[in-house]
Protein backbone atom coordinates (compact mmCIF):
# COMPACT_ATOMS: atom_id res chain seq x y z
CA UNK A 1 0.18 -0.17 -0.12
CA UNK A 2 1.07 4.23 -1.37
CA UNK A 3 2.18 5.93 1.90
CA UNK A 4 -0.80 8.46 1.59
CA UNK A 5 -1.35 11.87 3.62
CA UNK A 6 -3.70 9.59 5.87
CA UNK A 7 -2.49 6.35 5.79
CA UNK A 8 -4.75 3.33 7.06
CA UNK A 9 -3.68 1.16 10.12
CA UNK A 10 -3.82 -2.17 11.09
CA UNK A 11 -6.74 -2.19 13.93
CA UNK A 12 -7.88 -6.11 13.36
CA UNK A 13 -7.21 -8.77 12.32
CA UNK A 14 -8.07 -12.71 11.96
CA UNK A 15 -6.87 -16.11 10.43
CA UNK A 16 -9.72 -18.12 9.34
CA UNK A 17 -9.23 -21.73 10.84
CA UNK A 18 -8.71 -24.74 8.70
CA UNK A 19 -12.04 -26.28 8.71
CA UNK A 20 -13.73 -22.17 8.46
CA UNK A 21 -16.37 -23.08 5.59
CA UNK A 22 -17.23 -20.84 2.97
CA UNK A 23 -18.55 -17.27 4.59
CA UNK A 24 -19.15 -13.48 4.07
CA UNK A 25 -16.96 -11.79 4.84
CA UNK A 26 -19.21 -9.23 6.49
CA UNK A 27 -20.69 -11.93 8.74
CA UNK A 28 -17.36 -13.44 9.19
CA UNK A 29 -16.27 -9.96 11.06
CA UNK A 30 -19.01 -9.26 12.81
CA UNK A 31 -18.47 -12.98 14.74
CA UNK A 32 -15.20 -11.55 15.82
CA UNK A 33 -16.02 -7.59 16.21
CA UNK A 34 -17.53 -5.96 19.33
CA UNK A 35 -20.32 -3.78 18.61
CA UNK A 36 -19.68 -3.68 14.55
CA UNK A 37 -22.90 -4.02 12.79
CA UNK A 38 -23.48 -5.40 9.79
CA UNK A 39 -23.46 -1.62 7.63
CA UNK A 40 -20.27 -0.40 9.30
CA UNK A 41 -18.59 -3.21 7.91
CA UNK A 42 -20.58 -3.12 4.33
CA UNK A 43 -18.68 -0.02 4.75
CA UNK A 44 -15.50 -0.21 5.52
CA UNK A 45 -15.35 -2.90 2.57
CA UNK A 46 -16.77 0.05 0.32
CA UNK A 47 -14.11 1.89 1.58
CA UNK A 48 -11.52 -0.60 0.88
CA UNK A 49 -10.70 -1.35 4.57
CA UNK A 50 -11.39 -5.55 4.69
CA UNK A 51 -8.49 -6.43 3.03
CA UNK A 52 -7.72 -10.65 2.71
CA UNK A 53 -4.74 -11.94 2.19
CA UNK A 54 -3.51 -8.50 1.12
CA UNK A 55 -6.33 -7.51 -1.42
CA UNK A 56 -8.66 -5.38 -0.69
CA UNK A 57 -12.03 -7.54 -0.93
CA UNK A 58 -15.91 -6.77 -0.75
CA UNK A 59 -18.85 -7.84 1.67
CA UNK A 60 -19.77 -10.77 -0.11
CA UNK A 61 -16.63 -12.02 -0.23
CA UNK A 62 -15.81 -15.37 1.23
CA UNK A 63 -13.64 -16.78 3.92
CA UNK A 64 -12.40 -19.89 3.54
CA UNK A 65 -9.74 -21.57 6.07
CA UNK A 66 -6.67 -19.94 6.21
CA UNK A 67 -7.56 -16.73 4.98
CA UNK A 68 -5.68 -14.07 7.06
CA UNK A 69 -8.36 -11.39 7.29
CA UNK A 70 -7.77 -7.51 8.45
CA UNK A 71 -9.47 -4.81 8.84
CA UNK A 72 -8.33 -1.03 8.48
CA UNK A 73 -8.86 2.33 9.68
CA UNK A 74 -7.54 5.74 9.19
CA UNK A 75 -7.48 6.15 13.18
CA UNK A 76 -4.33 4.51 14.13
CA UNK A 77 -4.06 2.02 17.07
CA UNK A 78 -4.01 2.78 20.42
CA UNK A 79 -0.33 2.23 21.42
CA UNK A 80 0.27 6.03 19.23
CA UNK A 81 -2.54 7.29 21.72
CA UNK A 82 -1.31 6.55 25.12
CA UNK A 83 -1.95 9.95 26.77
CA UNK A 84 -2.72 10.83 30.22
CA UNK A 85 -6.12 11.80 31.31
CA UNK A 86 -7.46 13.49 34.83
CA UNK A 87 -9.72 10.42 35.81
CA UNK A 88 -10.60 9.90 39.17
CA UNK A 89 -9.17 6.98 41.11
CA UNK A 90 -10.29 4.74 43.97
CA UNK A 91 -6.86 4.32 45.60
CA UNK A 92 -6.38 1.44 47.93
CA UNK A 93 -2.82 1.40 49.30
CA UNK A 94 -0.23 3.03 47.57
CA UNK A 95 3.59 2.83 48.62
CA UNK A 96 6.72 4.04 46.69
CA UNK A 97 7.06 0.19 44.55
CA UNK A 98 2.69 -0.45 43.89
CA UNK A 99 -0.37 0.44 43.88
CA UNK A 100 -3.92 -1.44 44.50
CA UNK A 101 -7.37 -0.01 43.09
CA UNK A 102 -10.80 -0.82 43.64
CA UNK A 103 -12.19 -0.83 39.76
CA UNK A 104 -15.47 0.12 39.41
CA UNK A 105 -17.34 -1.49 36.73
CA UNK A 106 -17.61 -0.06 32.78
CA UNK A 107 -13.86 1.04 33.07
CA UNK A 108 -11.87 -0.27 30.01
CA UNK A 109 -8.55 -1.31 31.76
CA UNK A 110 -6.32 -0.81 29.37
CA UNK A 111 -6.61 1.35 25.37
CA UNK A 112 -7.63 -1.40 22.60
CA UNK A 113 -10.32 -1.18 19.54
CA UNK A 114 -12.98 1.15 20.10
CA UNK A 115 -11.70 2.37 23.91
CA UNK A 116 -8.48 4.55 22.77
CA UNK A 117 -9.61 6.90 25.85
CA UNK A 118 -11.05 7.05 29.43
CA UNK A 119 -9.26 3.92 30.74
CA UNK A 120 -7.68 2.89 33.89
CA UNK A 121 -4.51 2.56 32.54
CA UNK A 122 -4.94 6.69 30.86
CA UNK A 123 -5.84 7.36 34.59
CA UNK A 124 -2.93 5.72 35.79
CA UNK A 125 -0.30 7.82 33.66
CA UNK A 126 -1.96 10.67 34.64
CA UNK A 127 -1.30 10.54 38.36
CA UNK A 128 1.60 8.24 37.99
CA UNK A 129 4.80 9.51 36.66
CA UNK A 130 6.67 6.87 35.01
CA UNK A 131 4.76 3.34 35.25
CA UNK A 132 6.93 1.33 33.76
CA UNK A 133 5.41 -1.46 30.84
CA UNK A 134 4.34 -4.70 30.96
CA UNK A 135 5.29 -7.28 28.21
CA UNK A 136 2.40 -5.68 25.85
CA UNK A 137 3.63 -2.05 26.78
CA UNK A 138 1.27 -1.11 29.45
CA UNK A 139 2.38 1.15 31.98
CA UNK A 140 1.65 -0.28 35.37
CA UNK A 141 -0.29 -3.28 34.48
CA UNK A 142 0.07 -6.43 35.90
CA UNK A 143 -3.16 -8.65 35.52
CA UNK A 144 -6.52 -7.34 34.55
CA UNK A 145 -10.33 -7.91 34.50
CA UNK A 146 -13.71 -7.15 32.00
CA UNK A 147 -14.62 -3.88 31.78
CA UNK A 148 -18.18 -4.91 33.26
CA UNK A 149 -16.39 -6.29 36.27
CA UNK A 150 -15.22 -4.45 39.12
CA UNK A 151 -13.13 -4.81 41.72
CA UNK A 152 -9.17 -4.86 42.68
CA UNK A 153 -6.40 -4.33 40.54
CA UNK A 154 -2.70 -4.54 41.10
CA UNK A 155 -0.68 -2.16 39.72
CA UNK A 156 3.27 -2.09 39.55
CA UNK A 157 5.48 1.92 39.60
CA UNK A 158 9.18 0.24 39.25
CA UNK A 159 10.16 -2.41 36.76
CA UNK A 160 11.12 -4.67 39.68
CA UNK A 161 8.31 -4.49 40.90
CA UNK A 162 6.47 -5.63 37.86
CA UNK A 163 8.76 -8.65 38.01
CA UNK A 164 8.27 -9.88 40.86
CA UNK A 165 4.41 -9.90 40.86
CA UNK A 166 3.96 -10.54 37.16
CA UNK A 167 5.96 -13.86 38.51
CA UNK A 168 3.84 -14.48 41.43
CA UNK A 169 1.06 -14.41 39.16
CA UNK A 170 2.04 -17.03 36.81
CA UNK A 171 3.13 -19.10 39.85
CA UNK A 172 -0.28 -19.36 40.84
CA UNK A 173 0.81 -17.86 44.17
CA UNK A 174 -0.87 -15.02 44.01
CA UNK A 175 -5.03 -14.77 45.45
CA UNK A 176 -7.69 -13.80 43.82
CA UNK A 177 -11.14 -13.84 44.97
CA UNK A 178 -14.98 -12.81 42.89
CA UNK A 179 -18.49 -13.16 44.20
CA UNK A 180 -20.38 -13.49 40.72
CA UNK A 181 -24.28 -14.29 41.12
CA UNK A 182 -25.24 -16.90 38.74
CA UNK A 183 -28.12 -18.17 37.23
CA UNK A 184 -29.49 -21.22 38.77
CA UNK A 185 -29.85 -23.13 41.99
CA UNK A 186 -26.25 -24.11 41.91
CA UNK A 187 -26.34 -28.86 43.21
CA UNK A 188 -22.59 -29.17 44.95
CA UNK A 189 -21.67 -25.66 47.77
CA UNK A 190 -18.01 -26.07 46.53
CA UNK A 191 -16.51 -27.36 43.37
CA UNK A 192 -14.03 -27.26 41.62
CA UNK A 193 -14.08 -26.49 37.16
CA UNK A 194 -11.61 -27.45 35.25
CA UNK A 195 -11.33 -27.16 31.36
CA UNK A 196 -9.21 -25.96 28.90
CA UNK A 197 -10.14 -22.53 27.84
CA UNK A 198 -9.89 -21.07 24.61
CA UNK A 199 -11.26 -18.92 21.90
CA UNK A 200 -15.30 -20.04 20.32
CA UNK A 201 -14.53 -21.44 17.21
CA UNK A 202 -18.52 -19.65 15.90
CA UNK A 203 -18.49 -16.43 18.29
CA UNK A 204 -14.88 -15.06 18.49
CA UNK A 205 -15.92 -13.09 21.17
CA UNK A 206 -16.67 -15.36 23.64
CA UNK A 207 -14.50 -17.76 25.37
CA UNK A 208 -15.39 -21.48 25.60
CA UNK A 209 -14.29 -24.50 27.16
CA UNK A 210 -12.61 -27.49 25.45
CA UNK A 211 -12.88 -30.55 28.36
CA UNK A 212 -10.37 -32.44 26.60
CA UNK A 213 -7.97 -30.28 26.40
CA UNK A 214 -7.02 -30.49 22.54
CA UNK A 215 -7.70 -26.75 22.63
CA UNK A 216 -6.98 -23.66 24.84
CA UNK A 217 -4.85 -23.22 27.88
CA UNK A 218 -5.31 -25.67 31.34
CA UNK A 219 -7.74 -22.97 33.52
CA UNK A 220 -8.89 -23.88 37.28
CA UNK A 221 -11.86 -22.23 38.60
CA UNK A 222 -12.47 -23.29 42.68
CA UNK A 223 -16.59 -22.30 43.99
CA UNK A 224 -18.60 -22.26 46.93
CA UNK A 225 -22.85 -21.78 47.03
CA UNK A 226 -22.87 -18.12 49.61
CA UNK A 227 -26.51 -18.02 49.41
CA UNK A 228 -29.38 -20.03 47.68
CA UNK A 229 -31.92 -17.31 46.76
CA UNK A 230 -34.40 -19.35 44.53
CA UNK A 231 -33.61 -18.67 40.84
CA UNK A 232 -30.21 -17.30 40.93
CA UNK A 233 -27.15 -18.77 43.63
CA UNK A 234 -24.17 -15.85 44.93
CA UNK A 235 -21.34 -17.94 44.98
CA UNK A 236 -17.37 -17.03 45.54
CA UNK A 237 -15.11 -18.06 42.94
CA UNK A 238 -10.90 -18.68 43.54
CA UNK A 239 -8.82 -18.59 40.45
CA UNK A 240 -5.83 -21.28 40.33
CA UNK A 241 -5.62 -19.32 36.53
CA UNK A 242 -6.23 -16.31 35.02
CA UNK A 243 -7.70 -17.33 31.51
CA UNK A 244 -10.02 -14.64 29.86
CA UNK A 245 -13.16 -14.72 30.84
CA UNK A 246 -12.27 -17.87 33.48
CA UNK A 247 -15.31 -17.44 36.02
CA UNK A 248 -17.91 -16.72 33.17
CA UNK A 249 -16.77 -19.38 30.10
CA UNK A 250 -16.48 -22.20 33.39
CA UNK A 251 -20.31 -21.17 35.12
CA UNK A 252 -21.47 -20.77 31.64
CA UNK A 253 -20.17 -24.55 31.42
CA UNK A 254 -21.26 -25.52 34.78
CA UNK A 255 -24.77 -24.48 33.62
CA UNK A 256 -24.89 -21.30 35.88
CA UNK A 257 -24.67 -18.56 33.53
CA UNK A 258 -23.26 -14.69 35.62
CA UNK A 259 -27.02 -12.86 35.55
CA UNK A 260 -26.90 -10.82 33.31
CA UNK A 261 -23.99 -11.47 31.22
CA UNK A 262 -24.92 -10.46 27.62
CA UNK A 263 -22.24 -12.13 26.39
CA UNK A 264 -22.40 -15.45 27.56
CA UNK A 265 -26.29 -15.25 27.42
CA UNK A 266 -27.18 -14.36 30.50
CA UNK A 267 -29.21 -11.05 29.67
CA UNK A 268 -32.50 -12.54 29.72
CA UNK A 269 -34.62 -14.90 31.61
CA UNK A 270 -33.07 -18.47 32.26
CA UNK A 271 -34.23 -19.71 34.87
CA UNK A 272 -37.81 -19.15 36.72
CA UNK A 273 -41.52 -18.94 35.46
CA UNK A 274 -43.11 -17.76 33.07
CA UNK A 275 -45.41 -15.36 34.90
CA UNK A 276 -45.84 -12.00 33.62
CA UNK A 277 -44.63 -10.53 37.48
CA UNK A 278 -41.38 -12.56 38.08
CA UNK A 279 -40.56 -11.04 34.28
CA UNK A 280 -41.29 -7.77 35.36
CA UNK A 281 -39.19 -8.54 38.27
CA UNK A 282 -35.83 -10.22 36.45
CA UNK A 283 -36.13 -7.03 34.20
CA UNK A 284 -35.90 -4.43 37.36
CA UNK A 285 -33.02 -6.41 38.07
CA UNK A 286 -30.83 -6.28 34.43
CA UNK A 287 -32.40 -1.99 35.16
CA UNK A 288 -30.41 -1.99 39.04
CA UNK A 289 -27.63 -3.72 37.53
CA UNK A 290 -26.82 -3.18 33.90
CA UNK A 291 -23.95 -5.72 33.59
CA UNK A 292 -22.66 -9.31 34.67
CA UNK A 293 -22.86 -9.84 38.22
CA UNK A 294 -18.85 -9.82 38.59
CA UNK A 295 -17.07 -8.09 41.78
CA UNK A 296 -13.33 -8.76 42.09
CA UNK A 297 -13.46 -8.73 45.39
CA UNK A 298 -10.30 -9.52 47.57
CA UNK A 299 -6.52 -9.97 45.95
CA UNK A 300 -3.30 -11.53 48.00
CA UNK A 301 0.00 -11.26 47.17
CA UNK A 302 3.58 -11.11 48.31
CA UNK A 303 4.24 -7.12 48.59
CA UNK A 304 7.53 -7.15 46.08
CA UNK A 305 10.47 -5.13 47.79
CA UNK A 306 9.24 -6.11 51.69
CA UNK A 307 8.51 -9.80 51.24
CA UNK A 308 5.14 -9.16 53.24
CA UNK A 309 2.21 -10.47 52.58
CA UNK A 310 -0.93 -8.28 51.43
CA UNK A 311 -4.02 -9.02 51.37
CA UNK A 312 -7.17 -6.67 50.33
CA UNK A 313 -10.42 -6.50 50.14
CA UNK A 314 -13.34 -4.63 48.40
CA UNK A 315 -17.23 -4.97 49.10
CA UNK A 316 -19.94 -4.93 47.19
CA UNK A 317 -20.72 -2.06 44.88
CA UNK A 318 -24.02 -0.68 44.63
CA UNK A 319 -25.47 -2.06 41.62
CA UNK A 320 -24.44 -5.82 42.47
CA UNK A 321 -25.37 -5.52 46.19
CA UNK A 322 -28.52 -3.98 45.19
CA UNK A 323 -29.33 -6.68 42.58
CA UNK A 324 -28.48 -9.44 44.95
CA UNK A 325 -31.06 -7.68 47.86
CA UNK A 326 -33.78 -7.42 45.69
CA UNK A 327 -33.85 -10.88 44.80
CA UNK A 328 -33.24 -11.83 49.13
CA UNK A 329 -36.77 -9.69 48.73
CA UNK A 330 -38.26 -11.59 46.21
CA UNK A 331 -37.33 -15.11 48.42
CA UNK A 332 -38.54 -13.65 51.72
CA UNK A 333 -41.45 -12.56 50.07
CA UNK A 334 -42.45 -16.11 47.77
CA UNK A 335 -41.38 -18.63 50.12
CA UNK A 336 -43.18 -16.40 53.97
């Protein structure tokens, strides 16, 4: 591609699986790009911004196994847009080598496609100077949680702290516990879910479990039921590994999708009656908690400088607490 005054930049790149059935490129991309409409993708094709194997294609091009599909835009990739922004941060703890923050639901952790500003990294760059970059050139980040998951994150302020903390997460010596509200009455009081997690072969926005271990990466989640609320259950999950969407994918695999988890199908009534009053109650709960019911409640690690064990806990945010209280009231009313 010849250089121009407004060069195109690669924003998305996908390689079709070898067994990919011929599929229109617009449909192929809709399954892989979050919040992408067919019209938006078709407009990109008209503009020559969809490239397959180095050639621009139309929206009706049929993707085949092994094809490399790229989407190009004039907007430069996010790594060129890392800017400090004066955004509020809920700092739970800070010293000279690390910071622990309580991230609100709705805040993206780092800039990426479609989220170039307003992220945790933008805020960190404003509040803390000279943060070390991790292996993905993201300042300060040791680990991450999903946009619509609330809770605790540790951030490194020095190269030494970054290396030390990253090693703890790699060695699985860090401690992380989440609270989740899931659909259904979980049969066992506690248990463990072991199953490789990888990208869903058909819906690339989802992760899925490969029980045979032939795909994905090993993942282990330990769970315990804290409260049974008729058609939903409040559970706590302890992560032994840290795969993308681990709890969300594991709980769906167990048959207990997270409450109001739109990406995994939890934003519809999965358990309960067909009475209109019950449906209205569930809809009201969705309005109170307009995101998946998942909160990173605790975080434990060894301090990289003092070698002391550190432990932090963040109480449930108001939206999740309110939804749980609604279910408690519902159960009390129905069983009284």
